[in-house]
C-alpha atoms as a PDB file:
ATOM      1  CA  MET A   1      -1.237   2.523  -5.785  1.00  0.00           C
ATOM      2  CA  HIS A   2       0.449  -0.254  -8.066  1.00  0.00           C
ATOM      3  CA  ALA A   3       3.928   1.856  -8.159  1.00  0.00           C
ATOM      4  CA  LEU A   4       3.983   1.793  -4.289  1.00  0.00           C
ATOM      5  CA  TRP A   5       3.413  -1.742  -4.088  1.00  0.00           C
ATOM      6  CA  ARG A   6       6.239  -2.348  -6.347  1.00  0.00           C
ATOM      7  CA  ASP A   7       8.404  -0.044  -4.664  1.00  0.00           C
ATOM      8  CA  LEU A   8       7.670  -1.632  -1.262  1.00  0.00           C
ATOM      9  CA  GLY A   9       8.297  -5.090  -2.819  1.00  0.00           C
ATOM     10  CA  TYR A  10       5.062  -6.580  -3.094  1.00  0.00           C
ATOM     11  CA  SER A  11       4.443  -6.342  -7.018  1.00  0.00           C
ATOM     12  CA  GLY A  12       3.200  -9.322  -9.075  1.00  0.00           C
ATOM     13  CA  GLU A  13       0.497 -11.857  -8.991  1.00  0.00           C
ATOM     14  CA  GLU A  14       2.138 -13.877  -6.293  1.00  0.00           C
ATOM     15  CA  ASN A  15       1.714 -11.194  -3.765  1.00  0.00           C
ATOM     16  CA  ARG A  16      -1.780 -10.245  -4.583  1.00  0.00           C
ATOM     17  CA  GLU A  17      -3.394 -11.938  -1.328  1.00  0.00           C
ATOM     18  CA  ILE A  18      -0.872 -10.259   0.727  1.00  0.00           C
ATOM     19  CA  ARG A  19      -1.746  -6.766  -0.766  1.00  0.00           C
ATOM     20  CA  LEU A  20      -5.472  -7.524  -0.469  1.00  0.00           C
ATOM     21  CA  GLY A  21      -4.864  -8.336   3.039  1.00  0.00           C
ATOM     22  CA  ILE A  22      -2.775  -5.348   3.751  1.00  0.00           C
ATOM     23  CA  THR A  23      -5.395  -3.239   2.036  1.00  0.00           C
ATOM     24  CA  ALA A  24      -8.122  -4.536   4.199  1.00  0.00           C
ATOM     25  CA  ARG A  25      -6.334  -4.195   7.312  1.00  0.00           C
ATOM     26  CA  ILE A  26      -5.646  -0.477   6.407  1.00  0.00           C
ATOM     27  CA  LEU A  27      -9.149   0.216   5.664  1.00  0.00           C
ATOM     28  CA  GLY A  28     -10.154  -1.863   8.744  1.00  0.00           C
ATOM     29  CA  LEU A  29     -12.197  -4.452   6.524  1.00  0.00           C
ATOM     30  CA  PRO A  30     -12.515  -8.141   7.422  1.00  0.00           C
ATOM     31  CA  GLU A  31     -11.326  -8.980   3.842  1.00  0.00           C
ATOM     32  CA  LEU A  32     -11.111  -7.564   0.690  1.00  0.00           C
ATOM     33  CA  ASP A  33     -11.499  -9.587  -2.825  1.00  0.00           C
ATOM     34  CA  SER A  34     -10.516  -7.157  -5.229  1.00  0.00           C
ATOM     35  CA  SER A  35      -8.757  -3.509  -5.292  1.00  0.00           C
ATOM     36  CA  ALA A  36     -11.119  -2.347  -7.989  1.00  0.00           C
ATOM     37  CA  ALA A  37     -14.032  -2.380  -5.349  1.00  0.00           C
ATOM     38  CA  LEU A  38     -12.413   0.387  -3.719  1.00  0.00           C
ATOM     39  CA  THR A  39     -13.851   3.757  -3.646  1.00  0.00           C
ATOM     40  CA  ARG A  40     -11.760   6.877  -4.415  1.00  0.00           C
ATOM     41  CA  GLY A  41     -11.681   7.701  -0.791  1.00  0.00           C
ATOM     42  CA  GLN A  42     -10.460   4.244   0.347  1.00  0.00           C
ATOM     43  CA  ALA A  43      -7.814   4.398  -2.536  1.00  0.00           C
ATOM     44  CA  ASP A  44      -6.320   7.687  -1.133  1.00  0.00           C
ATOM     45  CA  GLN A  45      -6.334   6.171   2.383  1.00  0.00           C
ATOM     46  CA  VAL A  46      -4.349   3.336   1.295  1.00  0.00           C
ATOM     47  CA  ILE A  47      -2.047   5.278  -0.918  1.00  0.00           C
ATOM     48  CA  ALA A  48      -1.388   7.466   2.054  1.00  0.00           C
ATOM     49  CA  ALA A  49      -0.558   4.533   4.401  1.00  0.00           C
ATOM     50  CA  LEU A  50       1.588   3.100   1.601  1.00  0.00           C
ATOM     51  CA  ARG A  51       3.449   6.278   1.328  1.00  0.00           C
ATOM     52  CA  GLU A  52       4.069   6.448   5.002  1.00  0.00           C
ATOM     53  CA  ARG A  53       5.409   3.031   4.983  1.00  0.00           C
ATOM     54  CA  GLN A  54       7.746   3.801   2.203  1.00  0.00           C
ATOM     55  CA  GLN A  55       8.950   6.809   3.835  1.00  0.00           C
ATOM     56  CA  ARG A  56       9.549   4.788   6.972  1.00  0.00           C
ATOM     57  CA  THR A  57      11.509   2.219   4.930  1.00  0.00           C
ATOM     58  CA  ALA A  58      13.333   4.251   2.812  1.00  0.00           C
ATOM     59  CA  PRO A  59      17.289   4.540   3.510  1.00  0.00           C
ATOM     60  CA  ALA A  60      18.144   7.540   5.398  1.00  0.00           C
ATOM     61  CA  GLN A  61      19.055  10.627   3.265  1.00  0.00           C
ATOM     62  CA  GLY A  62      22.111  12.709   4.584  1.00  0.00           C
ATOM     63  CA  GLY A  63      21.742  16.357   5.321  1.00  0.00           C
ATOM     64  CA  ASP A  64      18.618  18.726   5.529  1.00  0.00           C
ATOM     65  CA  GLN A  65      16.990  19.680   2.594  1.00  0.00           C
END
């Protein structure tokens, strides 16, 4: 999850609250104090959402593969 946050530009302590807010929204929670409190299923859900966002924001790749 940390690698995905970094790739999306949200790494570092200065972005912690932003990451927690986005994570809470992904999971439909009112708030989240720590990502350490996530269950494996919740973490998987967040990772899937971040990967989807990463794919949407990635520069277009030329050609079909």
